[in-house]
Amino acid sequence: MPKNTGENAKDALIREGTDLLRHRGYVGTSVDDICTAAGVTKGAFFHHFESKEALVNAVFQREKVA
């Protein structure tokens, strides 16, 4: 799986996070799961989001716009 960098990584985290959260729920989805699915490191995750909750907020914001 190719590694994502920069804004591409953030978009991948939001996209994959959305999918995992829909299918597994909040408790059933770990930061590690999201990073693996997005093809990024945990360091990249925390570069873009300070917590899993922050990612969930970004997911909700993107869903409101869509």
C-alpha atoms as a PDB file:
ATOM      1  CA  MET A   1       0.000   0.000   0.000  1.00  0.00           C
ATOM      2  CA  PRO A   2       1.490   3.398  -0.939  1.00  0.00           C
ATOM      3  CA  LYS A   3       2.181   5.873   1.797  1.00  0.00           C
ATOM      4  CA  ASN A   4       0.156   9.067   1.793  1.00  0.00           C
ATOM      5  CA  THR A   5       1.781  12.397   2.613  1.00  0.00           C
ATOM      6  CA  GLY A   6       0.699  15.988   3.153  1.00  0.00           C
ATOM      7  CA  GLU A   7      -2.896  16.895   2.454  1.00  0.00           C
ATOM      8  CA  ASN A   8      -3.315  13.600   0.662  1.00  0.00           C
ATOM      9  CA  ALA A   9      -2.679  11.864   4.005  1.00  0.00           C
ATOM     10  CA  LYS A  10      -5.272  14.003   5.775  1.00  0.00           C
ATOM     11  CA  ASP A  11      -7.846  13.273   3.085  1.00  0.00           C
ATOM     12  CA  ALA A  12      -7.052   9.550   3.269  1.00  0.00           C
ATOM     13  CA  LEU A  13      -7.427   9.569   7.063  1.00  0.00           C
ATOM     14  CA  ILE A  14     -10.814  11.258   6.832  1.00  0.00           C
ATOM     15  CA  ARG A  15     -12.003   8.992   4.015  1.00  0.00           C
ATOM     16  CA  GLU A  16     -10.879   5.748   5.658  1.00  0.00           C
ATOM     17  CA  GLY A  17     -11.943   6.948   9.095  1.00  0.00           C
ATOM     18  CA  THR A  18     -15.424   7.634   7.766  1.00  0.00           C
ATOM     19  CA  ASP A  19     -15.691   4.152   6.295  1.00  0.00           C
ATOM     20  CA  LEU A  20     -14.385   2.390   9.400  1.00  0.00           C
ATOM     21  CA  LEU A  21     -16.534   4.419  11.780  1.00  0.00           C
ATOM     22  CA  ARG A  22     -19.639   3.650   9.727  1.00  0.00           C
ATOM     23  CA  HIS A  23     -18.946  -0.079   9.737  1.00  0.00           C
ATOM     24  CA  ARG A  24     -17.356  -0.642  13.159  1.00  0.00           C
ATOM     25  CA  GLY A  25     -18.545   2.299  15.234  1.00  0.00           C
ATOM     26  CA  TYR A  26     -16.469   4.627  17.381  1.00  0.00           C
ATOM     27  CA  VAL A  27     -15.428   2.110  20.030  1.00  0.00           C
ATOM     28  CA  GLY A  28     -14.674  -0.593  17.453  1.00  0.00           C
ATOM     29  CA  THR A  29     -12.334   1.647  15.448  1.00  0.00           C
ATOM     30  CA  SER A  30      -8.834   2.375  16.688  1.00  0.00           C
ATOM     31  CA  VAL A  31      -6.348   4.980  15.513  1.00  0.00           C
ATOM     32  CA  ASP A  32      -4.137   2.081  14.400  1.00  0.00           C
ATOM     33  CA  ASP A  33      -6.995   0.702  12.257  1.00  0.00           C
ATOM     34  CA  ILE A  34      -7.486   4.086  10.603  1.00  0.00           C
ATOM     35  CA  CYS A  35      -3.757   4.553   9.967  1.00  0.00           C
ATOM     36  CA  THR A  36      -3.426   1.088   8.440  1.00  0.00           C
ATOM     37  CA  ALA A  37      -6.418   1.614   6.161  1.00  0.00           C
ATOM     38  CA  ALA A  38      -5.170   5.054   5.097  1.00  0.00           C
ATOM     39  CA  GLY A  39      -1.594   3.874   4.553  1.00  0.00           C
ATOM     40  CA  VAL A  40      -0.062   6.398   6.935  1.00  0.00           C
ATOM     41  CA  THR A  41       1.936   6.265  10.143  1.00  0.00           C
ATOM     42  CA  LYS A  42       0.550   7.053  13.554  1.00  0.00           C
ATOM     43  CA  GLY A  43       2.837  10.089  13.564  1.00  0.00           C
ATOM     44  CA  ALA A  44       1.085  11.353  10.420  1.00  0.00           C
ATOM     45  CA  PHE A  45      -2.274  10.835  12.104  1.00  0.00           C
ATOM     46  CA  PHE A  46      -1.261  12.942  15.088  1.00  0.00           C
ATOM     47  CA  HIS A  47       0.275  15.559  12.800  1.00  0.00           C
ATOM     48  CA  HIS A  48      -3.188  16.189  11.349  1.00  0.00           C
ATOM     49  CA  PHE A  49      -5.434  15.348  14.325  1.00  0.00           C
ATOM     50  CA  GLU A  50      -4.738  15.688  18.034  1.00  0.00           C
ATOM     51  CA  SER A  51      -7.024  12.742  18.862  1.00  0.00           C
ATOM     52  CA  LYS A  52      -9.514  10.257  17.460  1.00  0.00           C
ATOM     53  CA  GLU A  53     -12.221  12.673  18.591  1.00  0.00           C
ATOM     54  CA  ALA A  54     -10.687  15.393  16.402  1.00  0.00           C
ATOM     55  CA  LEU A  55     -10.847  13.055  13.415  1.00  0.00           C
ATOM     56  CA  VAL A  56     -14.494  12.285  14.177  1.00  0.00           C
ATOM     57  CA  ASN A  57     -15.223  16.033  14.229  1.00  0.00           C
ATOM     58  CA  ALA A  58     -13.568  16.371  10.804  1.00  0.00           C
ATOM     59  CA  VAL A  59     -15.651  13.457   9.519  1.00  0.00           C
ATOM     60  CA  PHE A  60     -18.849  15.111  10.758  1.00  0.00           C
ATOM     61  CA  GLN A  61     -17.857  18.445   9.205  1.00  0.00           C
ATOM     62  CA  ARG A  62     -17.182  16.817   5.858  1.00  0.00           C
ATOM     63  CA  GLU A  63     -20.489  14.914   6.001  1.00  0.00           C
ATOM     64  CA  LYS A  64     -22.384  18.171   6.701  1.00  0.00           C
ATOM     65  CA  VAL A  65     -20.877  19.734   3.580  1.00  0.00           C
ATOM     66  CA  ALA A  66     -21.486  16.734   1.331  1.00  0.00           C
END
